[in-house]
Amino acid sequence: METLASQNLLIDADDTLWENNIYFEQVIREVRQLLERAGADTGNFRVELDETERRRIPLTGYGTINFTRSLVETFEKFLPRGADPRLAAEVQQLSLAIQDHPMEIFAGVPETLAYLSARHSLHLVTKGDPAEQSRKIESSALSGYFRGIEILGEKNAQAYSELLDRHGWERSCSWMIGNSPRSDINPALAAGINAVYIPHIHTWTLEHEEPTEHPGLLELQRFSDLRFHF
């Protein structure tokens, strides 16, 4: 079914428009290998890392720098006594290099944004470190398709409600589009707007959550499928 009337389309960035989490996962794999070569038991490493991030995020926020701090902290907990202490600096260097990774825009994204922007009001709504997110948005060369860009500290129902009220967007004509049930889908539905869930196989573990069953929820396989609905 195609939505013909003009809509407010709020579109997520990381892992919706471009690859993001795969770079973090690669670094985590490399760090586990470093620990294993140093003789560490890494069976619980990922669980501990997730808990460290869960604890730190409310205090320090998102972004590569804060991820790196959590990663180094967890690495040092697992590093066996007597291992080379310089390995922590190697972990830090590996992790911070994520910031320099070239952008990988998903297939069909520019064409789909061009199609949608001619028919609807597009707004990029992401969360994370403002400077880092701004760099990625600039590097993507996609900002011209959006009427506005919002970089939030967190995506929850309150944040969406404040955003809607600030812009005066009608809830029934507004949609949040993204890959994360925890940040893009469920809180948007709770705020009274519609949502489009586009799953990504490598969505970050801390964003995992079952999408809420809701009449305003649409699930698509790829971003380019939006052209058949809007």
Protein backbone atom coordinates (compact mmCIF):
# COMPACT_ATOMS: atom_id res chain seq x y z
CA MET A 1 0.00 0.00 0.00
CA GLU A 2 1.37 3.40 -0.97
CA THR A 3 1.03 6.45 1.26
CA LEU A 4 0.34 9.33 -1.15
CA ALA A 5 -0.20 12.31 1.17
CA SER A 6 2.91 14.18 2.30
CA GLN A 7 4.43 12.62 5.42
CA ASN A 8 7.15 13.54 7.91
CA LEU A 9 9.77 10.82 7.47
CA LEU A 10 12.27 10.69 10.33
CA ILE A 11 15.17 8.56 9.17
CA ASP A 12 17.89 6.91 11.26
CA ALA A 13 21.50 7.00 10.05
CA ASP A 14 23.83 4.27 11.41
CA ASP A 15 22.97 0.82 10.03
CA THR A 16 19.98 2.29 8.22
CA LEU A 17 21.67 4.50 5.61
CA TRP A 18 25.21 3.19 5.99
CA GLU A 19 27.22 0.43 7.66
CA ASN A 20 28.32 1.13 11.21
CA ASN A 21 28.24 -1.70 13.73
CA ILE A 22 30.24 -4.14 11.60
CA TYR A 23 33.39 -2.06 12.22
CA PHE A 24 32.92 -2.28 15.99
CA GLU A 25 32.30 -6.02 15.77
CA GLN A 26 35.51 -6.49 13.79
CA VAL A 27 37.51 -4.64 16.44
CA ILE A 28 35.91 -6.71 19.20
CA ARG A 29 36.95 -9.91 17.39
CA GLU A 30 40.52 -8.64 17.02
CA VAL A 31 40.70 -7.69 20.69
CA ARG A 32 39.48 -11.13 21.76
CA GLN A 33 42.22 -12.65 19.60
CA LEU A 34 44.80 -10.44 21.34
CA LEU A 35 43.59 -11.68 24.71
CA GLU A 36 43.60 -15.32 23.60
CA ARG A 37 47.18 -14.99 22.35
CA ALA A 38 48.05 -13.56 25.77
CA GLY A 39 46.57 -16.67 27.41
CA ALA A 40 43.26 -15.20 28.61
CA ASP A 41 39.97 -17.06 28.88
CA THR A 42 37.64 -14.91 26.73
CA GLY A 43 34.48 -16.97 27.11
CA ASN A 44 32.71 -14.20 29.02
CA PHE A 45 34.42 -11.26 27.32
CA ARG A 46 31.48 -10.06 25.23
CA VAL A 47 29.04 -10.27 28.13
CA GLU A 48 31.39 -8.20 30.27
CA LEU A 49 31.91 -5.66 27.48
CA ASP A 50 28.17 -5.26 26.98
CA GLU A 51 27.69 -4.73 30.72
CA THR A 52 30.49 -2.17 30.81
CA GLU A 53 28.92 -0.23 27.96
CA ARG A 54 25.49 -0.48 29.54
CA ARG A 55 26.89 1.02 32.72
CA ARG A 56 28.93 3.76 31.07
CA ILE A 57 26.54 4.99 28.37
CA PRO A 58 24.18 6.87 30.73
CA LEU A 59 27.24 8.68 32.12
CA THR A 60 29.35 9.31 29.03
CA GLY A 61 27.09 8.74 26.03
CA TYR A 62 27.64 6.96 22.73
CA GLY A 63 30.34 7.22 20.07
CA THR A 64 33.65 5.61 19.21
CA ILE A 65 35.64 7.37 21.93
CA ASN A 66 33.30 6.16 24.67
CA PHE A 67 33.17 2.67 23.16
CA THR A 68 36.97 2.64 23.19
CA ARG A 69 37.06 3.47 26.89
CA SER A 70 34.66 0.62 27.64
CA LEU A 71 36.65 -1.75 25.45
CA VAL A 72 40.00 -0.89 27.06
CA GLU A 73 38.49 -1.16 30.55
CA THR A 74 37.11 -4.61 29.76
CA PHE A 75 40.31 -5.70 28.03
CA GLU A 76 42.38 -4.83 31.08
CA LYS A 77 40.08 -6.91 33.31
CA PHE A 78 40.74 -9.97 31.17
CA LEU A 79 44.45 -9.42 30.50
CA PRO A 80 46.45 -12.07 32.43
CA ARG A 81 48.94 -10.95 35.05
CA GLY A 82 52.37 -10.54 33.53
CA ALA A 83 51.09 -9.85 30.00
CA ASP A 84 52.55 -6.96 28.04
CA PRO A 85 50.84 -3.80 29.42
CA ARG A 86 51.39 -2.07 26.08
CA LEU A 87 48.63 -4.22 24.61
CA ALA A 88 46.03 -1.84 26.07
CA ALA A 89 47.43 0.96 23.93
CA GLU A 90 47.17 -1.31 20.89
CA VAL A 91 43.51 -1.95 21.70
CA GLN A 92 42.89 1.78 21.99
CA GLN A 93 44.53 2.42 18.63
CA LEU A 94 42.54 -0.36 16.94
CA SER A 95 39.28 0.99 18.29
CA LEU A 96 39.84 4.68 17.56
CA ALA A 97 40.68 3.78 13.96
CA ILE A 98 36.96 3.09 13.47
CA GLN A 99 36.50 6.85 13.14
CA ASP A 100 38.61 6.85 9.97
CA HIS A 101 36.80 4.01 8.21
CA PRO A 102 35.42 5.02 4.78
CA MET A 103 31.65 5.37 4.55
CA GLU A 104 29.76 2.42 3.05
CA ILE A 105 26.36 3.67 1.94
CA PHE A 106 23.80 0.91 1.46
CA ALA A 107 22.75 0.12 -2.09
CA GLY A 108 19.81 2.19 -3.29
CA VAL A 109 19.94 4.75 -0.48
CA PRO A 110 20.75 7.90 -2.52
CA GLU A 111 18.17 7.06 -5.18
CA THR A 112 15.53 6.29 -2.57
CA LEU A 113 16.21 9.51 -0.67
CA ALA A 114 15.96 11.49 -3.91
CA TYR A 115 12.60 9.85 -4.65
CA LEU A 116 11.24 10.39 -1.14
CA SER A 117 12.48 13.97 -0.72
CA ALA A 118 10.46 15.07 -3.75
CA ARG A 119 7.27 13.81 -2.12
CA HIS A 120 7.71 14.02 1.64
CA SER A 121 9.46 15.99 4.39
CA LEU A 122 12.65 14.11 5.30
CA HIS A 123 14.51 14.62 8.58
CA LEU A 124 17.64 12.76 9.64
CA VAL A 125 17.26 11.68 13.27
CA THR A 126 20.29 9.97 14.77
CA LYS A 127 21.86 9.63 18.19
CA GLY A 128 25.43 9.66 19.44
CA ASP A 129 28.36 11.99 19.81
CA PRO A 130 27.43 15.20 17.92
CA ALA A 131 30.88 15.78 16.44
CA GLU A 132 31.29 12.19 15.28
CA GLN A 133 27.79 11.95 13.85
CA SER A 134 28.22 15.29 12.07
CA ARG A 135 31.43 14.05 10.44
CA LYS A 136 29.70 10.92 9.20
CA ILE A 137 26.75 12.86 7.85
CA GLU A 138 29.07 15.21 6.00
CA SER A 139 31.13 12.33 4.60
CA SER A 140 27.99 10.56 3.41
CA ALA A 141 27.06 13.46 1.07
CA LEU A 142 23.39 12.71 1.86
CA SER A 143 22.48 15.76 3.94
CA GLY A 144 21.02 17.62 0.96
CA TYR A 145 18.03 15.26 0.90
CA PHE A 146 16.94 16.28 4.41
CA ARG A 147 15.09 19.36 5.55
CA GLY A 148 16.65 19.04 8.98
CA ILE A 149 19.15 17.02 10.98
CA GLU A 150 18.67 16.04 14.62
CA ILE A 151 21.48 14.46 16.67
CA LEU A 152 19.99 13.26 19.95
CA GLY A 153 21.72 12.08 23.09
CA GLU A 154 19.17 9.27 23.38
CA LYS A 155 16.20 8.00 21.43
CA ASN A 156 13.31 7.30 23.76
CA ALA A 157 9.61 8.13 23.80
CA GLN A 158 10.22 11.43 25.60
CA ALA A 159 12.85 12.51 23.07
CA TYR A 160 10.50 11.74 20.18
CA SER A 161 7.60 13.57 21.83
CA GLU A 162 9.75 16.64 22.43
CA LEU A 163 10.95 16.52 18.82
CA LEU A 164 7.41 16.27 17.48
CA ASP A 165 6.16 19.11 19.68
CA ARG A 166 9.10 21.35 18.84
CA HIS A 167 8.52 20.98 15.10
CA GLY A 168 4.74 20.85 15.29
CA TRP A 169 4.60 17.56 13.37
CA GLU A 170 1.26 15.79 13.33
CA ARG A 171 1.73 12.35 14.82
CA SER A 172 -0.55 10.53 12.40
CA CYS A 173 1.52 11.81 9.46
CA SER A 174 4.94 11.07 11.00
CA TRP A 175 7.08 7.95 10.67
CA MET A 176 10.36 6.90 12.26
CA ILE A 177 12.42 4.70 9.95
CA GLY A 178 15.29 2.61 11.24
CA ASN A 179 16.93 -0.70 12.11
CA SER A 180 16.81 -0.64 15.90
CA PRO A 181 13.68 -1.79 17.74
CA ARG A 182 15.02 -0.32 20.98
CA SER A 183 15.82 3.15 19.62
CA ASP A 184 13.93 3.64 16.35
CA ILE A 185 10.77 1.55 16.52
CA ASN A 186 9.35 0.94 19.99
CA PRO A 187 9.88 4.42 21.48
CA ALA A 188 8.53 6.08 18.32
CA LEU A 189 5.37 3.98 18.51
CA ALA A 190 5.11 4.81 22.22
CA ALA A 191 5.29 8.51 21.34
CA GLY A 192 2.27 8.07 19.07
CA ILE A 193 3.84 8.05 15.62
CA ASN A 194 4.21 5.32 13.01
CA ALA A 195 7.39 3.37 12.37
CA VAL A 196 9.14 1.47 9.59
CA TYR A 197 11.41 -1.33 10.78
CA ILE A 198 14.23 -2.27 8.39
CA PRO A 199 16.21 -5.03 10.16
CA HIS A 200 19.98 -5.20 9.88
CA ILE A 201 21.63 -8.55 10.57
CA HIS A 202 24.47 -6.84 12.46
CA THR A 203 22.44 -4.46 14.62
CA TRP A 204 24.31 -3.75 17.87
CA THR A 205 23.44 -6.19 20.68
CA LEU A 206 22.41 -3.38 23.04
CA GLU A 207 19.78 -2.33 20.49
CA HIS A 208 18.17 -5.78 20.36
CA GLU A 209 14.53 -5.84 21.38
CA GLU A 210 11.36 -7.33 19.98
CA PRO A 211 9.39 -4.81 17.88
CA THR A 212 6.06 -3.89 19.45
CA GLU A 213 3.02 -5.27 17.66
CA HIS A 214 1.24 -2.13 16.47
CA PRO A 215 -1.06 -1.14 13.59
CA GLY A 216 1.29 1.73 12.81
CA LEU A 217 4.31 -0.55 12.28
CA LEU A 218 5.55 -1.46 8.80
CA GLU A 219 8.43 -3.91 8.31
CA LEU A 220 10.52 -3.84 5.14
CA GLN A 221 13.51 -5.87 3.99
CA ARG A 222 15.59 -3.04 2.54
CA PHE A 223 15.67 0.74 2.49
CA SER A 224 14.86 0.97 -1.20
CA ASP A 225 11.49 -0.72 -0.50
CA LEU A 226 10.30 2.58 0.94
CA ARG A 227 9.63 3.73 -2.61
CA PHE A 228 6.74 1.26 -2.84
CA HIS A 229 5.03 2.60 0.29
CA PHE A 230 5.69 6.35 0.25
